[in-house]
Amino acid sequence: MRIFFLLIFNITSYSSFAVQDKIAIIIDDIGYRKTDVNVLNLPPNVTLSILPHTPYGKDLAEQGFLDKHEIMLHIPMEAENGKFLGPGGLTSHMNEMTIRTNLKAAFTEIPFAIGINNHMGSLLTALHQPMLWVMKFIKEQNVIFIDSATSSHSKAASIAKKLGIPTRQRDIFLDNELEYNYIAKQFSRLIKQAKKHGIAIAIAHPHPESIDSINKLLPQLAEENIKLVSISQLFHQQKAIKSKQFTD
């Protein structure tokens, strides 16, 4: 009996230790501005998402990779407002071959990318057929997909799940307003999300105001016993949470 209770105690203690609340932060829209180099001042666990075929994107991806950041591709996708996508963009008028060609070119430029998140995409992510083509390509590459959730009608994550692709949706945009008090408020919301669900994902952008604010706010995570992790680590955390919930 004593051995049995000791075993239960050890399992419970291990589970409590292993399942720590975690937050991942993705900085996307990287590649067009010289000032985007400031993303390299962020801790390595911050994930960098690069716009393909941009003036500074490839160099920043390579430097970020050397600095131990996880690198993603920020693939432009058609928006409802028809906003210009830039190079490598995907639209609803493309066939599967063209979509695959554009995605392949992005991965050829940055072959060490561990996944994709969408740039804009409020129109395209709501359409089943083009997103199925996108996800089939992602499946072949054995990478992850993060839905930036620019539309409440997005089908991207659900299609990814059906194909067995590791996927999650963005929880919080940190910097819709480039002002410290706003970013701090959003950061507090992010912490609450992580405490409630065990994991949370934020997206921000390479504005100097955003990077400065995030660096000032990150010490709050240690105070709240929350760990900043790269995006891929959240999928290990998700399995641990499900396991703990099952044993509980």
Protein backbone atom coordinates (compact mmCIF):
# COMPACT_ATOMS: atom_id res chain seq x y z
CA MET A 1 0.00 0.00 0.00
CA ARG A 2 2.82 2.42 0.89
CA ILE A 3 4.53 1.70 -2.42
CA PHE A 4 1.26 2.33 -4.28
CA PHE A 5 0.70 5.75 -2.68
CA LEU A 6 4.35 6.66 -3.21
CA LEU A 7 4.00 5.81 -6.90
CA ILE A 8 0.84 7.94 -7.22
CA PHE A 9 2.59 10.84 -5.48
CA ASN A 10 5.57 10.62 -7.81
CA ILE A 11 3.38 10.54 -10.92
CA THR A 12 1.31 13.50 -9.72
CA SER A 13 4.41 15.46 -8.76
CA TYR A 14 6.00 14.80 -12.11
CA SER A 15 2.85 15.83 -14.00
CA SER A 16 2.54 19.05 -12.02
CA PHE A 17 6.18 19.86 -12.72
CA ALA A 18 6.09 18.92 -16.40
CA VAL A 19 2.95 20.81 -17.38
CA GLN A 20 3.97 24.44 -16.99
CA ASP A 21 1.94 27.20 -18.61
CA LYS A 22 3.63 28.33 -21.81
CA ILE A 23 3.41 31.23 -24.22
CA ALA A 24 4.72 31.50 -27.78
CA ILE A 25 5.19 34.84 -29.51
CA ILE A 26 5.45 35.10 -33.29
CA ILE A 27 6.79 38.24 -34.91
CA ASP A 28 5.59 38.27 -38.50
CA ASP A 29 5.54 40.74 -41.42
CA ILE A 30 9.35 40.58 -41.41
CA GLY A 31 11.26 41.46 -44.55
CA TYR A 32 10.42 44.86 -46.01
CA ARG A 33 12.10 47.36 -43.68
CA LYS A 34 15.70 47.84 -42.58
CA THR A 35 14.44 48.32 -39.03
CA ASP A 36 13.14 44.74 -39.05
CA VAL A 37 16.67 43.77 -37.97
CA ASN A 38 15.59 44.79 -34.46
CA VAL A 39 13.73 41.48 -34.14
CA LEU A 40 17.13 39.93 -33.52
CA ASN A 41 17.21 41.78 -30.18
CA LEU A 42 14.38 39.56 -28.92
CA PRO A 43 15.10 36.33 -26.99
CA PRO A 44 15.75 33.23 -29.14
CA ASN A 45 12.48 31.60 -28.05
CA VAL A 46 10.54 34.28 -29.93
CA THR A 47 9.58 32.83 -33.32
CA LEU A 48 10.25 34.88 -36.46
CA SER A 49 7.92 34.64 -39.48
CA ILE A 50 9.36 35.93 -42.74
CA LEU A 51 7.55 37.33 -45.76
CA PRO A 52 8.98 35.50 -48.81
CA HIS A 53 10.97 37.24 -51.53
CA THR A 54 11.31 40.54 -49.62
CA PRO A 55 14.38 42.82 -49.59
CA TYR A 56 15.59 41.81 -46.11
CA GLY A 57 13.64 38.62 -45.46
CA LYS A 58 16.16 35.96 -46.44
CA ASP A 59 19.09 37.61 -44.65
CA LEU A 60 17.07 38.09 -41.46
CA ALA A 61 15.83 34.50 -41.64
CA GLU A 62 19.39 33.21 -41.92
CA GLN A 63 20.67 35.40 -39.09
CA GLY A 64 17.69 34.56 -36.90
CA PHE A 65 18.25 30.86 -37.56
CA LEU A 66 21.91 31.19 -36.53
CA ASP A 67 20.75 33.00 -33.37
CA LYS A 68 18.55 29.96 -32.49
CA HIS A 69 15.16 31.49 -33.39
CA GLU A 70 12.62 29.20 -35.01
CA ILE A 71 11.80 30.54 -38.47
CA MET A 72 8.42 30.39 -40.16
CA LEU A 73 7.14 31.56 -43.53
CA HIS A 74 4.52 34.31 -43.46
CA ILE A 75 2.67 33.46 -46.66
CA PRO A 76 0.51 36.26 -48.13
CA MET A 77 -3.07 35.11 -48.75
CA GLU A 78 -5.93 36.94 -50.41
CA ALA A 79 -7.87 39.32 -48.17
CA GLU A 80 -11.49 40.36 -48.44
CA ASN A 81 -10.44 43.98 -49.00
CA GLY A 82 -8.30 43.03 -52.02
CA LYS A 83 -5.16 44.50 -50.49
CA PHE A 84 -1.93 44.00 -52.48
CA LEU A 85 -0.27 40.75 -51.41
CA GLY A 86 3.29 41.18 -52.59
CA PRO A 87 5.48 38.39 -54.02
CA GLY A 88 4.56 34.78 -53.36
CA GLY A 89 0.94 35.57 -52.53
CA LEU A 90 -1.88 33.04 -52.89
CA THR A 91 -5.28 33.98 -54.33
CA SER A 92 -8.63 32.30 -54.88
CA HIS A 93 -8.10 32.46 -58.66
CA MET A 94 -5.05 30.19 -58.58
CA ASN A 95 -5.17 26.51 -59.38
CA GLU A 96 -3.44 23.87 -57.29
CA MET A 97 -0.29 23.87 -59.40
CA THR A 98 0.22 27.63 -59.02
CA ILE A 99 -0.36 27.49 -55.27
CA ARG A 100 2.13 24.66 -54.93
CA THR A 101 4.66 26.52 -57.11
CA ASN A 102 4.45 29.64 -54.94
CA LEU A 103 4.76 27.66 -51.71
CA LYS A 104 7.67 25.64 -53.06
CA ALA A 105 9.49 28.85 -54.05
CA ALA A 106 9.08 30.21 -50.51
CA PHE A 107 10.52 27.04 -48.96
CA THR A 108 13.33 27.00 -51.52
CA GLU A 109 14.32 30.49 -50.39
CA ILE A 110 14.10 29.60 -46.69
CA PRO A 111 14.44 25.79 -46.51
CA PHE A 112 14.84 25.66 -42.71
CA ALA A 113 11.38 27.15 -42.06
CA ILE A 114 9.50 24.97 -39.57
CA GLY A 115 6.04 26.05 -40.72
CA ILE A 116 3.67 28.64 -42.13
CA ASN A 117 1.32 31.27 -40.83
CA ASN A 118 -0.90 33.37 -43.07
CA HIS A 119 -0.34 37.02 -43.90
CA MET A 120 -3.81 38.59 -44.27
CA GLY A 121 -5.94 35.80 -45.81
CA SER A 122 -9.40 36.75 -44.59
CA LEU A 123 -10.82 35.62 -47.95
CA LEU A 124 -8.60 32.67 -48.84
CA THR A 125 -8.61 30.98 -45.44
CA ALA A 126 -12.43 30.86 -45.57
CA LEU A 127 -12.38 28.82 -48.80
CA HIS A 128 -12.17 25.05 -48.55
CA GLN A 129 -10.56 24.06 -51.86
CA PRO A 130 -7.54 26.39 -51.94
CA MET A 131 -6.84 25.76 -48.25
CA LEU A 132 -6.98 22.03 -48.86
CA TRP A 133 -4.33 22.46 -51.55
CA VAL A 134 -2.22 24.54 -49.17
CA MET A 135 -2.53 21.97 -46.39
CA LYS A 136 -1.68 19.04 -48.65
CA PHE A 137 1.56 20.81 -49.53
CA ILE A 138 2.28 21.56 -45.87
CA LYS A 139 1.62 17.91 -45.01
CA GLU A 140 4.19 16.83 -47.59
CA GLN A 141 6.76 19.20 -46.10
CA ASN A 142 6.12 17.82 -42.60
CA VAL A 143 5.84 21.30 -41.09
CA ILE A 144 3.30 23.10 -38.88
CA PHE A 145 0.57 25.60 -39.63
CA ILE A 146 -0.48 28.50 -37.41
CA ASP A 147 -3.73 30.22 -38.37
CA SER A 148 -3.30 33.96 -37.85
CA ALA A 149 -7.10 33.97 -37.50
CA THR A 150 -7.76 37.06 -39.58
CA SER A 151 -11.28 35.79 -40.23
CA SER A 152 -13.84 34.17 -37.93
CA HIS A 153 -14.81 32.06 -40.96
CA SER A 154 -11.36 30.55 -41.43
CA LYS A 155 -11.35 26.88 -42.38
CA ALA A 156 -7.56 26.62 -42.35
CA ALA A 157 -7.02 25.08 -38.92
CA SER A 158 -9.89 22.60 -39.24
CA ILE A 159 -8.58 21.35 -42.61
CA ALA A 160 -5.06 21.09 -41.18
CA LYS A 161 -6.34 19.00 -38.26
CA LYS A 162 -8.18 16.63 -40.58
CA LEU A 163 -4.91 16.03 -42.44
CA GLY A 164 -2.99 15.46 -39.21
CA ILE A 165 -0.94 18.65 -39.50
CA PRO A 166 0.21 20.17 -36.17
CA THR A 167 -1.82 23.37 -35.99
CA ARG A 168 -3.13 26.05 -33.67
CA GLN A 169 -4.77 29.47 -33.98
CA ARG A 170 -3.45 32.81 -32.83
CA ASP A 171 -4.97 33.90 -29.51
CA ILE A 172 -3.90 37.54 -29.18
CA PHE A 173 -2.62 40.30 -31.46
CA LEU A 174 -0.31 42.34 -29.25
CA ASP A 175 0.19 45.49 -31.25
CA ASN A 176 -2.87 46.60 -33.18
CA GLU A 177 -2.01 49.94 -31.56
CA LEU A 178 1.63 50.98 -31.35
CA GLU A 179 1.50 52.34 -27.83
CA TYR A 180 3.04 50.75 -24.72
CA ASN A 181 -0.08 50.84 -22.53
CA TYR A 182 -2.13 49.09 -25.23
CA ILE A 183 0.54 46.43 -25.79
CA ALA A 184 0.84 45.91 -22.03
CA LYS A 185 -2.92 45.42 -21.77
CA GLN A 186 -2.82 42.82 -24.55
CA PHE A 187 0.12 41.13 -22.87
CA SER A 188 -1.94 40.80 -19.68
CA ARG A 189 -4.72 39.19 -21.72
CA LEU A 190 -2.14 36.77 -23.14
CA ILE A 191 -1.02 35.77 -19.64
CA LYS A 192 -4.64 35.15 -18.59
CA GLN A 193 -5.17 33.01 -21.69
CA ALA A 194 -2.11 30.91 -20.87
CA LYS A 195 -3.20 30.45 -17.25
CA LYS A 196 -6.67 29.38 -18.35
CA HIS A 197 -5.69 26.99 -21.15
CA GLY A 198 -2.06 26.11 -20.38
CA ILE A 199 -0.81 27.51 -23.67
CA ALA A 200 -1.30 30.74 -25.64
CA ILE A 201 -0.03 32.24 -28.89
CA ALA A 202 0.53 35.93 -29.58
CA ILE A 203 1.36 37.61 -32.85
CA ALA A 204 3.14 40.95 -33.07
CA HIS A 205 5.02 42.85 -35.75
CA PRO A 206 8.55 44.19 -36.18
CA HIS A 207 7.72 47.81 -35.29
CA PRO A 208 10.38 49.37 -33.02
CA GLU A 209 7.62 50.25 -30.54
CA SER A 210 6.44 46.63 -30.45
CA ILE A 211 9.88 45.12 -29.97
CA ASP A 212 10.78 47.61 -27.23
CA SER A 213 7.49 46.98 -25.42
CA ILE A 214 7.77 43.19 -25.64
CA ASN A 215 11.29 43.23 -24.21
CA LYS A 216 10.03 45.31 -21.29
CA LEU A 217 7.05 43.03 -20.66
CA LEU A 218 8.71 39.63 -20.95
CA PRO A 219 10.01 39.57 -17.33
CA GLN A 220 6.36 39.34 -16.23
CA LEU A 221 6.27 35.76 -17.49
CA ALA A 222 8.78 34.54 -14.90
CA GLU A 223 6.82 36.35 -12.20
CA GLU A 224 3.71 34.43 -13.29
CA ASN A 225 5.59 31.11 -13.61
CA ILE A 226 4.95 31.07 -17.36
CA LYS A 227 7.59 29.92 -19.80
CA LEU A 228 8.30 31.62 -23.13
CA VAL A 229 8.78 28.91 -25.75
CA SER A 230 9.31 28.61 -29.48
CA ILE A 231 6.17 27.77 -31.42
CA SER A 232 7.00 24.08 -32.00
CA GLN A 233 7.26 23.46 -28.24
CA LEU A 234 3.56 24.25 -27.79
CA PHE A 235 2.61 21.04 -29.54
CA HIS A 236 4.53 18.98 -26.98
CA GLN A 237 2.79 21.01 -24.26
CA GLN A 238 -0.62 20.34 -25.80
CA LYS A 239 -0.01 16.57 -25.58
CA ALA A 240 1.12 16.91 -21.97
CA ILE A 241 -2.02 18.85 -21.01
CA LYS A 242 -4.29 16.26 -22.62
CA SER A 243 -2.41 13.50 -20.82
CA LYS A 244 -2.74 15.26 -17.48
CA GLN A 245 -6.45 15.90 -18.00
CA PHE A 246 -6.95 12.20 -18.80
CA THR A 247 -5.10 11.04 -15.67
CA ASP A 248 -6.95 13.61 -13.53
